[in-house]
Amino acid sequence: MNDKRKQNMDLYFIALVPHRELGERVRRIKERMKTEYGSGHALKSPAHITLQMPFKRSSSDETSISEALRRFVTGEKGFTVDLDGFGAFAPRVIFIKISEPDPVKALHSRLKQVLMTELHFSEAEIMKDVQPHITVATRDLAKEAFSEAWTELQKEEFKASFDVRSVFLLKHNGRNWDILEEFPFAANG
């Protein structure tokens, strides 16, 4: 790929996004992480569960990405995600745990096939496996702050749930992630 084409690439990712009320609740936790522990990077995206890590494509590819995702969701059925407590990937990431990750993992597995066959993603671009979670503090969390934050959060209770009825395509605007499009499941039941 030539340098000029590389410069015209945009950054996208595919995720599950909870309803607004839960999203705001998660945002307040992210704001606490920034205020109390100096970790604000997670505020750059809405509350979400990643199905496909960020990937680069030309904005001219958005139509084909949208069409592929629209076809993908026609066979998908809704399910519920239950959130229960906090977890961590030491020494930088703190997240909200999902009590039953299998439906999300299965959705990811089906999505992976679409990305490879219809959108010609390379193996390096595709997430091999997902560990479903909602991040509240990430890469800018200092190791010392991680220890302090994790000591506090692992004692706290967090319980919530949301119905998964669609997948979302997000696009980076140069500073933050915006929801570009929502793809509702055809079979919501």
C-alpha atoms as a PDB file:
ATOM      1  CA  MET A   1       0.000   0.000   0.000  1.00  0.00           C
ATOM      2  CA  ASN A   2       1.494   3.379  -0.938  1.00  0.00           C
ATOM      3  CA  ASP A   3       2.026   6.157   1.602  1.00  0.00           C
ATOM      4  CA  LYS A   4      -0.642   8.413   0.126  1.00  0.00           C
ATOM      5  CA  ARG A   5      -3.302   5.709   0.507  1.00  0.00           C
ATOM      6  CA  LYS A   6      -2.151   5.028   4.078  1.00  0.00           C
ATOM      7  CA  GLN A   7      -2.663   8.687   4.975  1.00  0.00           C
ATOM      8  CA  ASN A   8      -6.292   8.545   3.840  1.00  0.00           C
ATOM      9  CA  MET A   9      -7.163   5.657   6.139  1.00  0.00           C
ATOM     10  CA  ASP A  10      -9.710   5.987   8.918  1.00  0.00           C
ATOM     11  CA  LEU A  11      -9.887   3.954  12.097  1.00  0.00           C
ATOM     12  CA  TYR A  12     -12.958   1.838  12.935  1.00  0.00           C
ATOM     13  CA  PHE A  13     -14.029  -0.857  15.377  1.00  0.00           C
ATOM     14  CA  ILE A  14     -17.107  -3.022  15.918  1.00  0.00           C
ATOM     15  CA  ALA A  15     -18.747  -3.351  19.318  1.00  0.00           C
ATOM     16  CA  LEU A  16     -21.786  -3.950  21.464  1.00  0.00           C
ATOM     17  CA  VAL A  17     -22.983  -0.739  23.120  1.00  0.00           C
ATOM     18  CA  PRO A  18     -25.310  -0.772  26.144  1.00  0.00           C
ATOM     19  CA  HIS A  19     -28.372   1.446  26.517  1.00  0.00           C
ATOM     20  CA  ARG A  20     -27.852   5.111  27.406  1.00  0.00           C
ATOM     21  CA  GLU A  21     -28.569   4.835  31.138  1.00  0.00           C
ATOM     22  CA  LEU A  22     -26.003   2.062  31.614  1.00  0.00           C
ATOM     23  CA  GLY A  23     -23.575   3.898  29.338  1.00  0.00           C
ATOM     24  CA  GLU A  24     -23.830   6.956  31.603  1.00  0.00           C
ATOM     25  CA  ARG A  25     -23.276   4.824  34.700  1.00  0.00           C
ATOM     26  CA  VAL A  26     -20.093   3.408  33.135  1.00  0.00           C
ATOM     27  CA  ARG A  27     -19.025   6.910  32.072  1.00  0.00           C
ATOM     28  CA  ARG A  28     -19.214   8.085  35.710  1.00  0.00           C
ATOM     29  CA  ILE A  29     -16.845   5.265  36.689  1.00  0.00           C
ATOM     30  CA  LYS A  30     -14.471   6.256  33.855  1.00  0.00           C
ATOM     31  CA  GLU A  31     -14.602   9.872  35.056  1.00  0.00           C
ATOM     32  CA  ARG A  32     -13.758   8.682  38.579  1.00  0.00           C
ATOM     33  CA  MET A  33     -10.767   6.770  37.140  1.00  0.00           C
ATOM     34  CA  LYS A  34      -9.574   9.989  35.507  1.00  0.00           C
ATOM     35  CA  THR A  35     -10.131  12.195  38.563  1.00  0.00           C
ATOM     36  CA  GLU A  36      -8.810   9.827  41.220  1.00  0.00           C
ATOM     37  CA  TYR A  37      -6.196   7.825  39.309  1.00  0.00           C
ATOM     38  CA  GLY A  38      -5.192   9.945  36.304  1.00  0.00           C
ATOM     39  CA  SER A  39      -6.546   7.501  33.709  1.00  0.00           C
ATOM     40  CA  GLY A  40      -8.767   9.252  31.177  1.00  0.00           C
ATOM     41  CA  HIS A  41      -8.073   7.267  27.993  1.00  0.00           C
ATOM     42  CA  ALA A  42     -11.177   5.085  28.437  1.00  0.00           C
ATOM     43  CA  LEU A  43     -13.315   8.245  28.206  1.00  0.00           C
ATOM     44  CA  LYS A  44     -12.447   8.472  24.495  1.00  0.00           C
ATOM     45  CA  SER A  45     -15.061   5.834  23.644  1.00  0.00           C
ATOM     46  CA  PRO A  46     -18.594   5.085  24.796  1.00  0.00           C
ATOM     47  CA  ALA A  47     -19.151   2.115  27.110  1.00  0.00           C
ATOM     48  CA  HIS A  48     -18.807  -0.957  24.909  1.00  0.00           C
ATOM     49  CA  ILE A  49     -17.796  -4.581  24.513  1.00  0.00           C
ATOM     50  CA  THR A  50     -15.330  -4.929  21.644  1.00  0.00           C
ATOM     51  CA  LEU A  51     -16.222  -7.466  18.958  1.00  0.00           C
ATOM     52  CA  GLN A  52     -13.521  -6.385  16.493  1.00  0.00           C
ATOM     53  CA  MET A  53     -10.464  -4.381  17.520  1.00  0.00           C
ATOM     54  CA  PRO A  54      -9.676  -1.137  15.663  1.00  0.00           C
ATOM     55  CA  PHE A  55      -8.874  -1.536  11.988  1.00  0.00           C
ATOM     56  CA  LYS A  56      -7.920   0.888   9.230  1.00  0.00           C
ATOM     57  CA  ARG A  57      -9.946   1.351   6.075  1.00  0.00           C
ATOM     58  CA  SER A  58     -10.576   4.118   3.584  1.00  0.00           C
ATOM     59  CA  SER A  59     -13.811   6.026   4.204  1.00  0.00           C
ATOM     60  CA  SER A  60     -14.788   4.876   0.701  1.00  0.00           C
ATOM     61  CA  ASP A  61     -15.011   1.349   2.198  1.00  0.00           C
ATOM     62  CA  GLU A  62     -17.716   2.379   4.706  1.00  0.00           C
ATOM     63  CA  THR A  63     -20.548   1.361   2.379  1.00  0.00           C
ATOM     64  CA  SER A  64     -19.215  -2.167   1.904  1.00  0.00           C
ATOM     65  CA  ILE A  65     -18.528  -2.511   5.654  1.00  0.00           C
ATOM     66  CA  SER A  66     -22.080  -1.364   6.425  1.00  0.00           C
ATOM     67  CA  GLU A  67     -23.600  -3.687   3.835  1.00  0.00           C
ATOM     68  CA  ALA A  68     -21.662  -6.673   5.201  1.00  0.00           C
ATOM     69  CA  LEU A  69     -22.687  -5.869   8.787  1.00  0.00           C
ATOM     70  CA  ARG A  70     -26.317  -5.390   7.705  1.00  0.00           C
ATOM     71  CA  ARG A  71     -26.299  -8.851   6.096  1.00  0.00           C
ATOM     72  CA  PHE A  72     -24.562 -10.340   9.146  1.00  0.00           C
ATOM     73  CA  VAL A  73     -27.172  -9.147  11.653  1.00  0.00           C
ATOM     74  CA  THR A  74     -30.137 -10.536   9.690  1.00  0.00           C
ATOM     75  CA  GLY A  75     -29.538 -13.990  11.183  1.00  0.00           C
ATOM     76  CA  GLU A  76     -28.677 -12.850  14.698  1.00  0.00           C
ATOM     77  CA  LYS A  77     -30.930 -13.216  17.724  1.00  0.00           C
ATOM     78  CA  GLY A  78     -30.883 -10.933  20.733  1.00  0.00           C
ATOM     79  CA  PHE A  79     -29.502 -11.957  24.107  1.00  0.00           C
ATOM     80  CA  THR A  80     -28.850 -10.400  27.501  1.00  0.00           C
ATOM     81  CA  VAL A  81     -25.457  -9.452  28.916  1.00  0.00           C
ATOM     82  CA  ASP A  82     -25.184  -9.502  32.709  1.00  0.00           C
ATOM     83  CA  LEU A  83     -22.451  -7.412  34.288  1.00  0.00           C
ATOM     84  CA  ASP A  84     -21.137  -8.421  37.684  1.00  0.00           C
ATOM     85  CA  GLY A  85     -18.239  -6.746  39.470  1.00  0.00           C
ATOM     86  CA  PHE A  86     -14.821  -5.632  38.310  1.00  0.00           C
ATOM     87  CA  GLY A  87     -11.839  -7.425  36.855  1.00  0.00           C
ATOM     88  CA  ALA A  88      -8.347  -6.467  35.737  1.00  0.00           C
ATOM     89  CA  PHE A  89      -5.619  -7.207  33.239  1.00  0.00           C
ATOM     90  CA  ALA A  90      -2.619  -6.146  35.339  1.00  0.00           C
ATOM     91  CA  PRO A  91      -0.837  -3.783  35.274  1.00  0.00           C
ATOM     92  CA  ARG A  92      -2.907  -1.309  33.230  1.00  0.00           C
ATOM     93  CA  VAL A  93      -6.535  -2.303  32.614  1.00  0.00           C
ATOM     94  CA  ILE A  94      -9.572  -2.348  34.910  1.00  0.00           C
ATOM     95  CA  PHE A  95     -12.932  -3.430  33.557  1.00  0.00           C
ATOM     96  CA  ILE A  96     -16.479  -4.444  34.373  1.00  0.00           C
ATOM     97  CA  LYS A  97     -16.899  -8.221  34.187  1.00  0.00           C
ATOM     98  CA  ILE A  98     -19.471 -10.092  32.153  1.00  0.00           C
ATOM     99  CA  SER A  99     -20.861 -13.030  34.096  1.00  0.00           C
ATOM    100  CA  GLU A 100     -21.673 -15.198  31.055  1.00  0.00           C
ATOM    101  CA  PRO A 101     -19.387 -14.363  28.104  1.00  0.00           C
ATOM    102  CA  ASP A 102     -20.322 -17.302  25.830  1.00  0.00           C
ATOM    103  CA  PRO A 103     -23.067 -15.524  23.782  1.00  0.00           C
ATOM    104  CA  VAL A 104     -20.660 -12.639  23.077  1.00  0.00           C
ATOM    105  CA  LYS A 105     -17.874 -15.061  22.139  1.00  0.00           C
ATOM    106  CA  ALA A 106     -20.228 -16.913  19.794  1.00  0.00           C
ATOM    107  CA  LEU A 107     -21.311 -13.649  18.148  1.00  0.00           C
ATOM    108  CA  HIS A 108     -17.656 -12.699  17.713  1.00  0.00           C
ATOM    109  CA  SER A 109     -16.904 -16.050  16.117  1.00  0.00           C
ATOM    110  CA  ARG A 110     -19.688 -15.584  13.556  1.00  0.00           C
ATOM    111  CA  LEU A 111     -18.614 -11.979  12.892  1.00  0.00           C
ATOM    112  CA  LYS A 112     -15.025 -13.101  12.318  1.00  0.00           C
ATOM    113  CA  GLN A 113     -16.162 -15.258   9.388  1.00  0.00           C
ATOM    114  CA  VAL A 114     -17.922 -12.298   7.763  1.00  0.00           C
ATOM    115  CA  LEU A 115     -14.882 -10.068   8.214  1.00  0.00           C
ATOM    116  CA  MET A 116     -12.584 -12.628   6.594  1.00  0.00           C
ATOM    117  CA  THR A 117     -14.819 -13.803   3.760  1.00  0.00           C
ATOM    118  CA  GLU A 118     -16.790 -10.680   2.822  1.00  0.00           C
ATOM    119  CA  LEU A 119     -14.479  -7.840   3.849  1.00  0.00           C
ATOM    120  CA  HIS A 120     -11.180  -9.662   3.271  1.00  0.00           C
ATOM    121  CA  PHE A 121      -9.633  -8.843   6.648  1.00  0.00           C
ATOM    122  CA  SER A 122      -6.193 -10.312   7.112  1.00  0.00           C
ATOM    123  CA  GLU A 123      -5.574 -12.734   9.970  1.00  0.00           C
ATOM    124  CA  ALA A 124      -3.495 -10.046  11.697  1.00  0.00           C
ATOM    125  CA  GLU A 125      -6.474  -7.656  11.691  1.00  0.00           C
ATOM    126  CA  ILE A 126      -8.901 -10.132  13.236  1.00  0.00           C
ATOM    127  CA  MET A 127      -9.182 -10.688  16.962  1.00  0.00           C
ATOM    128  CA  LYS A 128      -8.452 -14.395  17.411  1.00  0.00           C
ATOM    129  CA  ASP A 129     -10.396 -14.561  20.635  1.00  0.00           C
ATOM    130  CA  VAL A 130     -12.410 -12.159  22.755  1.00  0.00           C
ATOM    131  CA  GLN A 131     -12.481 -11.741  26.495  1.00  0.00           C
ATOM    132  CA  PRO A 132     -15.724  -9.762  26.742  1.00  0.00           C
ATOM    133  CA  HIS A 133     -15.621  -6.871  29.206  1.00  0.00           C
ATOM    134  CA  ILE A 134     -16.303  -3.131  29.495  1.00  0.00           C
ATOM    135  CA  THR A 135     -13.105  -1.183  30.085  1.00  0.00           C
ATOM    136  CA  VAL A 136     -13.131   1.640  32.663  1.00  0.00           C
ATOM    137  CA  ALA A 137      -9.376   2.344  32.857  1.00  0.00           C
ATOM    138  CA  THR A 138      -6.699   1.454  30.336  1.00  0.00           C
ATOM    139  CA  ARG A 139      -3.320   2.235  28.816  1.00  0.00           C
ATOM    140  CA  ASP A 140      -2.740   5.577  30.585  1.00  0.00           C
ATOM    141  CA  LEU A 141      -3.262   4.044  34.047  1.00  0.00           C
ATOM    142  CA  ALA A 142       0.124   4.153  35.771  1.00  0.00           C
ATOM    143  CA  LYS A 143       1.241   0.937  37.460  1.00  0.00           C
ATOM    144  CA  GLU A 144       1.163   2.551  40.913  1.00  0.00           C
ATOM    145  CA  ALA A 145      -2.314   3.989  40.269  1.00  0.00           C
ATOM    146  CA  PHE A 146      -3.470   0.595  38.970  1.00  0.00           C
ATOM    147  CA  SER A 147      -2.559  -1.025  42.267  1.00  0.00           C
ATOM    148  CA  GLU A 148      -4.425   1.617  44.255  1.00  0.00           C
ATOM    149  CA  ALA A 149      -7.495   1.668  41.959  1.00  0.00           C
ATOM    150  CA  TRP A 150      -7.705  -2.122  41.756  1.00  0.00           C
ATOM    151  CA  THR A 151      -7.518  -2.428  45.550  1.00  0.00           C
ATOM    152  CA  GLU A 152     -10.565  -0.158  45.773  1.00  0.00           C
ATOM    153  CA  LEU A 153     -12.627  -1.396  42.828  1.00  0.00           C
ATOM    154  CA  GLN A 154     -12.297  -5.112  43.484  1.00  0.00           C
ATOM    155  CA  LYS A 155     -14.206  -4.542  46.743  1.00  0.00           C
ATOM    156  CA  GLU A 156     -17.032  -2.653  45.051  1.00  0.00           C
ATOM    157  CA  GLU A 157     -20.196  -4.167  43.694  1.00  0.00           C
ATOM    158  CA  PHE A 158     -21.397  -3.449  40.171  1.00  0.00           C
ATOM    159  CA  LYS A 159     -24.448  -5.231  38.832  1.00  0.00           C
ATOM    160  CA  ALA A 160     -26.356  -4.393  35.677  1.00  0.00           C
ATOM    161  CA  SER A 161     -27.597  -5.979  32.501  1.00  0.00           C
ATOM    162  CA  PHE A 162     -28.497  -4.942  28.994  1.00  0.00           C
ATOM    163  CA  ASP A 163     -30.171  -6.524  26.035  1.00  0.00           C
ATOM    164  CA  VAL A 164     -28.013  -6.981  22.955  1.00  0.00           C
ATOM    165  CA  ARG A 165     -30.199  -6.251  19.954  1.00  0.00           C
ATOM    166  CA  SER A 166     -27.631  -4.805  17.541  1.00  0.00           C
ATOM    167  CA  VAL A 167     -23.959  -4.309  16.755  1.00  0.00           C
ATOM    168  CA  PHE A 168     -22.329  -0.931  16.260  1.00  0.00           C
ATOM    169  CA  LEU A 169     -19.667   0.407  13.920  1.00  0.00           C
ATOM    170  CA  LEU A 170     -17.566   3.121  15.545  1.00  0.00           C
ATOM    171  CA  LYS A 171     -15.206   5.548  13.831  1.00  0.00           C
ATOM    172  CA  HIS A 172     -12.371   7.593  15.280  1.00  0.00           C
ATOM    173  CA  ASN A 173     -12.772  11.325  14.702  1.00  0.00           C
ATOM    174  CA  GLY A 174      -9.139  12.180  15.438  1.00  0.00           C
ATOM    175  CA  ARG A 175      -9.699  12.568  19.178  1.00  0.00           C
ATOM    176  CA  ASN A 176     -12.508  10.214  20.247  1.00  0.00           C
ATOM    177  CA  TRP A 177     -14.649   7.352  19.021  1.00  0.00           C
ATOM    178  CA  ASP A 178     -18.119   8.109  17.622  1.00  0.00           C
ATOM    179  CA  ILE A 179     -20.901   5.669  16.811  1.00  0.00           C
ATOM    180  CA  LEU A 180     -21.066   5.715  13.027  1.00  0.00           C
ATOM    181  CA  GLU A 181     -23.915   3.251  12.567  1.00  0.00           C
ATOM    182  CA  GLU A 182     -26.098   0.791  14.474  1.00  0.00           C
ATOM    183  CA  PHE A 183     -27.089  -2.539  12.895  1.00  0.00           C
ATOM    184  CA  PRO A 184     -30.231  -3.958  14.571  1.00  0.00           C
ATOM    185  CA  PHE A 185     -30.698  -7.708  14.606  1.00  0.00           C
ATOM    186  CA  ALA A 186     -33.529  -8.921  12.382  1.00  0.00           C
ATOM    187  CA  ALA A 187     -34.592 -11.612  14.861  1.00  0.00           C
ATOM    188  CA  ASN A 188     -34.847  -9.815  18.199  1.00  0.00           C
ATOM    189  CA  GLY A 189     -36.090 -12.536  20.434  1.00  0.00           C
END
